[in-house]
Amino acid sequence: MTFAFIAKHGDIWTVNGLCEVMEASRSGFHAWFHRPARARAILGTKLITVIDRSFKASDRTYGMLTLSVV
């Protein structure tokens, strides 16, 4: 979670500064950043995209969501 925060806000503040404030190692951050994404994370990102698209298509109301994940 810490590394994700640093990656998200690295364009606002320096990575070195964020790592220092968050007490995280810079080498650990860079190793995490360049590591390939796990299959579960990729699936989660795809699922969020489908859910968001469905939510917006229903004029932002709740409803049944049908997913077909391959």
N, C-alpha and C. Protein backbone atom coordinates (compact mmCIF):
# COMPACT_ATOMS: atom_id res chain seq x y z
N MET A 1 0.81 -1.19 0.00
CA MET A 1 0.00 0.00 0.00
C MET A 1 0.87 1.26 0.00
N THR A 2 1.95 1.22 0.74
CA THR A 2 2.85 2.37 0.80
C THR A 2 3.46 2.64 -0.57
N PHE A 3 3.93 1.59 -1.23
CA PHE A 3 4.55 1.77 -2.54
C PHE A 3 3.54 2.27 -3.57
N ALA A 4 2.30 1.80 -3.48
CA ALA A 4 1.27 2.28 -4.40
C ALA A 4 1.01 3.77 -4.20
N PHE A 5 1.01 4.22 -2.96
CA PHE A 5 0.84 5.65 -2.66
C PHE A 5 1.98 6.45 -3.26
N ILE A 6 3.20 5.95 -3.08
CA ILE A 6 4.38 6.65 -3.62
C ILE A 6 4.30 6.72 -5.14
N ALA A 7 3.91 5.62 -5.78
CA ALA A 7 3.79 5.61 -7.24
C ALA A 7 2.72 6.58 -7.71
N LYS A 8 1.61 6.66 -6.99
CA LYS A 8 0.51 7.54 -7.39
C LYS A 8 0.89 9.01 -7.25
N HIS A 9 1.66 9.35 -6.24
CA HIS A 9 1.97 10.75 -5.96
C HIS A 9 3.40 11.14 -6.34
N GLY A 10 4.09 10.25 -7.06
CA GLY A 10 5.47 10.53 -7.46
C GLY A 10 5.62 11.68 -8.44
N ASP A 11 4.53 12.06 -9.11
CA ASP A 11 4.61 13.20 -10.03
C ASP A 11 4.43 14.53 -9.31
N ILE A 12 3.93 14.48 -8.07
CA ILE A 12 3.73 15.70 -7.29
C ILE A 12 4.96 15.97 -6.42
N TRP A 13 5.43 14.94 -5.72
CA TRP A 13 6.62 15.04 -4.89
C TRP A 13 7.66 14.06 -5.39
N THR A 14 8.87 14.22 -4.94
CA THR A 14 9.93 13.31 -5.39
C THR A 14 9.77 11.95 -4.71
N VAL A 15 10.18 10.93 -5.42
CA VAL A 15 10.13 9.57 -4.86
C VAL A 15 11.03 9.50 -3.64
N ASN A 16 12.19 10.12 -3.70
CA ASN A 16 13.10 10.11 -2.55
C ASN A 16 12.44 10.73 -1.33
N GLY A 17 11.78 11.87 -1.51
CA GLY A 17 11.11 12.53 -0.40
C GLY A 17 9.97 11.71 0.17
N LEU A 18 9.17 11.12 -0.72
CA LEU A 18 8.06 10.28 -0.27
C LEU A 18 8.55 9.06 0.48
N CYS A 19 9.60 8.43 -0.02
CA CYS A 19 10.15 7.26 0.65
C CYS A 19 10.67 7.63 2.04
N GLU A 20 11.29 8.79 2.14
CA GLU A 20 11.81 9.23 3.44
C GLU A 20 10.67 9.48 4.43
N VAL A 21 9.65 10.19 4.00
CA VAL A 21 8.52 10.50 4.87
C VAL A 21 7.76 9.23 5.26
N MET A 22 7.59 8.32 4.31
CA MET A 22 6.82 7.09 4.56
C MET A 22 7.68 5.98 5.18
N GLU A 23 8.95 6.29 5.40
CA GLU A 23 9.91 5.34 5.97
C GLU A 23 9.97 4.04 5.17
N ALA A 24 10.05 4.20 3.85
CA ALA A 24 10.17 3.08 2.93
C ALA A 24 11.51 3.18 2.21
N SER A 25 12.07 2.06 1.84
CA SER A 25 13.35 2.10 1.15
C SER A 25 13.14 2.42 -0.33
N ARG A 26 14.03 3.22 -0.87
CA ARG A 26 13.95 3.56 -2.30
C ARG A 26 14.18 2.33 -3.16
N SER A 27 15.13 1.50 -2.76
CA SER A 27 15.41 0.30 -3.56
C SER A 27 14.22 -0.66 -3.53
N GLY A 28 13.54 -0.75 -2.39
CA GLY A 28 12.34 -1.57 -2.30
C GLY A 28 11.24 -1.05 -3.19
N PHE A 29 11.08 0.29 -3.22
CA PHE A 29 10.06 0.88 -4.09
C PHE A 29 10.37 0.59 -5.55
N HIS A 30 11.61 0.80 -5.97
CA HIS A 30 11.96 0.58 -7.37
C HIS A 30 11.83 -0.89 -7.76
N ALA A 31 12.16 -1.80 -6.84
CA ALA A 31 11.99 -3.23 -7.12
C ALA A 31 10.51 -3.55 -7.29
N TRP A 32 9.66 -2.99 -6.43
CA TRP A 32 8.21 -3.20 -6.52
C TRP A 32 7.66 -2.61 -7.81
N PHE A 33 8.11 -1.41 -8.15
CA PHE A 33 7.60 -0.68 -9.32
C PHE A 33 7.90 -1.42 -10.62
N HIS A 34 9.06 -2.03 -10.71
CA HIS A 34 9.46 -2.69 -11.95
C HIS A 34 9.09 -4.17 -12.00
N ARG A 35 8.51 -4.68 -10.93
CA ARG A 35 8.07 -6.08 -10.89
C ARG A 35 6.81 -6.23 -11.74
N PRO A 36 6.70 -7.30 -12.51
CA PRO A 36 5.48 -7.51 -13.31
C PRO A 36 4.25 -7.68 -12.41
N ALA A 37 3.12 -7.23 -12.92
CA ALA A 37 1.88 -7.33 -12.15
C ALA A 37 1.46 -8.79 -12.00
N ARG A 38 0.87 -9.11 -10.87
CA ARG A 38 0.38 -10.47 -10.64
C ARG A 38 -0.94 -10.67 -11.37
N ALA A 39 -1.24 -11.91 -11.66
CA ALA A 39 -2.47 -12.24 -12.40
C ALA A 39 -3.70 -11.73 -11.66
N ARG A 40 -3.72 -11.82 -10.33
CA ARG A 40 -4.87 -11.37 -9.54
C ARG A 40 -5.05 -9.86 -9.66
N ALA A 41 -3.97 -9.12 -9.68
CA ALA A 41 -4.05 -7.66 -9.82
C ALA A 41 -4.57 -7.29 -11.20
N ILE A 42 -4.14 -8.00 -12.22
CA ILE A 42 -4.61 -7.73 -13.58
C ILE A 42 -6.10 -8.02 -13.69
N LEU A 43 -6.54 -9.15 -13.12
CA LEU A 43 -7.96 -9.50 -13.13
C LEU A 43 -8.78 -8.47 -12.37
N GLY A 44 -8.27 -8.01 -11.24
CA GLY A 44 -8.97 -7.00 -10.46
C GLY A 44 -9.14 -5.71 -11.22
N THR A 45 -8.13 -5.30 -11.96
CA THR A 45 -8.20 -4.07 -12.76
C THR A 45 -9.25 -4.23 -13.87
N LYS A 46 -9.27 -5.39 -14.51
CA LYS A 46 -10.27 -5.63 -15.55
C LYS A 46 -11.67 -5.63 -14.97
N LEU A 47 -11.83 -6.22 -13.80
CA LEU A 47 -13.13 -6.29 -13.16
C LEU A 47 -13.63 -4.89 -12.78
N ILE A 48 -12.77 -4.07 -12.25
CA ILE A 48 -13.14 -2.70 -11.91
C ILE A 48 -13.59 -1.95 -13.15
N THR A 49 -12.91 -2.14 -14.26
CA THR A 49 -13.29 -1.49 -15.51
C THR A 49 -14.68 -1.90 -15.96
N VAL A 50 -14.97 -3.20 -15.88
CA VAL A 50 -16.29 -3.70 -16.28
C VAL A 50 -17.38 -3.16 -15.36
N ILE A 51 -17.12 -3.17 -14.06
CA ILE A 51 -18.10 -2.67 -13.10
C ILE A 51 -18.35 -1.18 -13.32
N ASP A 52 -17.30 -0.41 -13.53
CA ASP A 52 -17.45 1.03 -13.76
C ASP A 52 -18.24 1.31 -15.04
N ARG A 53 -17.95 0.57 -16.09
CA ARG A 53 -18.67 0.75 -17.35
C ARG A 53 -20.16 0.44 -17.17
N SER A 54 -20.46 -0.63 -16.45
CA SER A 54 -21.84 -1.01 -16.21
C SER A 54 -22.55 0.03 -15.35
N PHE A 55 -21.87 0.52 -14.35
CA PHE A 55 -22.44 1.54 -13.47
C PHE A 55 -22.79 2.80 -14.24
N LYS A 56 -21.89 3.23 -15.10
CA LYS A 56 -22.13 4.44 -15.90
C LYS A 56 -23.21 4.20 -16.95
N ALA A 57 -23.29 3.00 -17.50
CA ALA A 57 -24.30 2.68 -18.51
C ALA A 57 -25.70 2.67 -17.90
N SER A 58 -25.79 2.43 -16.60
CA SER A 58 -27.10 2.40 -15.94
C SER A 58 -27.45 3.75 -15.32
N ASP A 59 -26.84 4.81 -15.84
CA ASP A 59 -27.05 6.16 -15.31
C ASP A 59 -26.73 6.24 -13.83
N ARG A 60 -25.67 5.53 -13.46
CA ARG A 60 -25.13 5.55 -12.09
C ARG A 60 -26.13 5.09 -11.04
N THR A 61 -26.93 4.10 -11.39
CA THR A 61 -27.83 3.49 -10.42
C THR A 61 -27.38 2.08 -10.14
N TYR A 62 -27.86 1.52 -9.07
CA TYR A 62 -27.51 0.15 -8.74
C TYR A 62 -28.34 -0.81 -9.57
N GLY A 63 -27.82 -1.97 -9.79
CA GLY A 63 -28.53 -2.95 -10.57
C GLY A 63 -27.74 -4.23 -10.69
N MET A 64 -28.27 -5.15 -11.47
CA MET A 64 -27.62 -6.43 -11.65
C MET A 64 -26.43 -6.27 -12.59
N LEU A 65 -25.35 -6.90 -12.24
CA LEU A 65 -24.14 -6.85 -13.04
C LEU A 65 -23.85 -8.25 -13.55
N THR A 66 -23.77 -8.40 -14.87
CA THR A 66 -23.46 -9.69 -15.46
C THR A 66 -22.04 -9.61 -16.01
N LEU A 67 -21.20 -10.52 -15.55
CA LEU A 67 -19.80 -10.56 -15.98
C LEU A 67 -19.52 -11.86 -16.69
N SER A 68 -18.73 -11.77 -17.71
CA SER A 68 -18.21 -12.99 -18.32
C SER A 68 -16.70 -12.84 -18.38
N VAL A 69 -16.03 -13.45 -17.45
CA VAL A 69 -14.59 -13.37 -17.36
C VAL A 69 -14.00 -14.61 -18.00
N VAL A 70 -13.10 -14.38 -18.93
CA VAL A 70 -12.47 -15.49 -19.64
C VAL A 70 -11.14 -15.77 -19.02
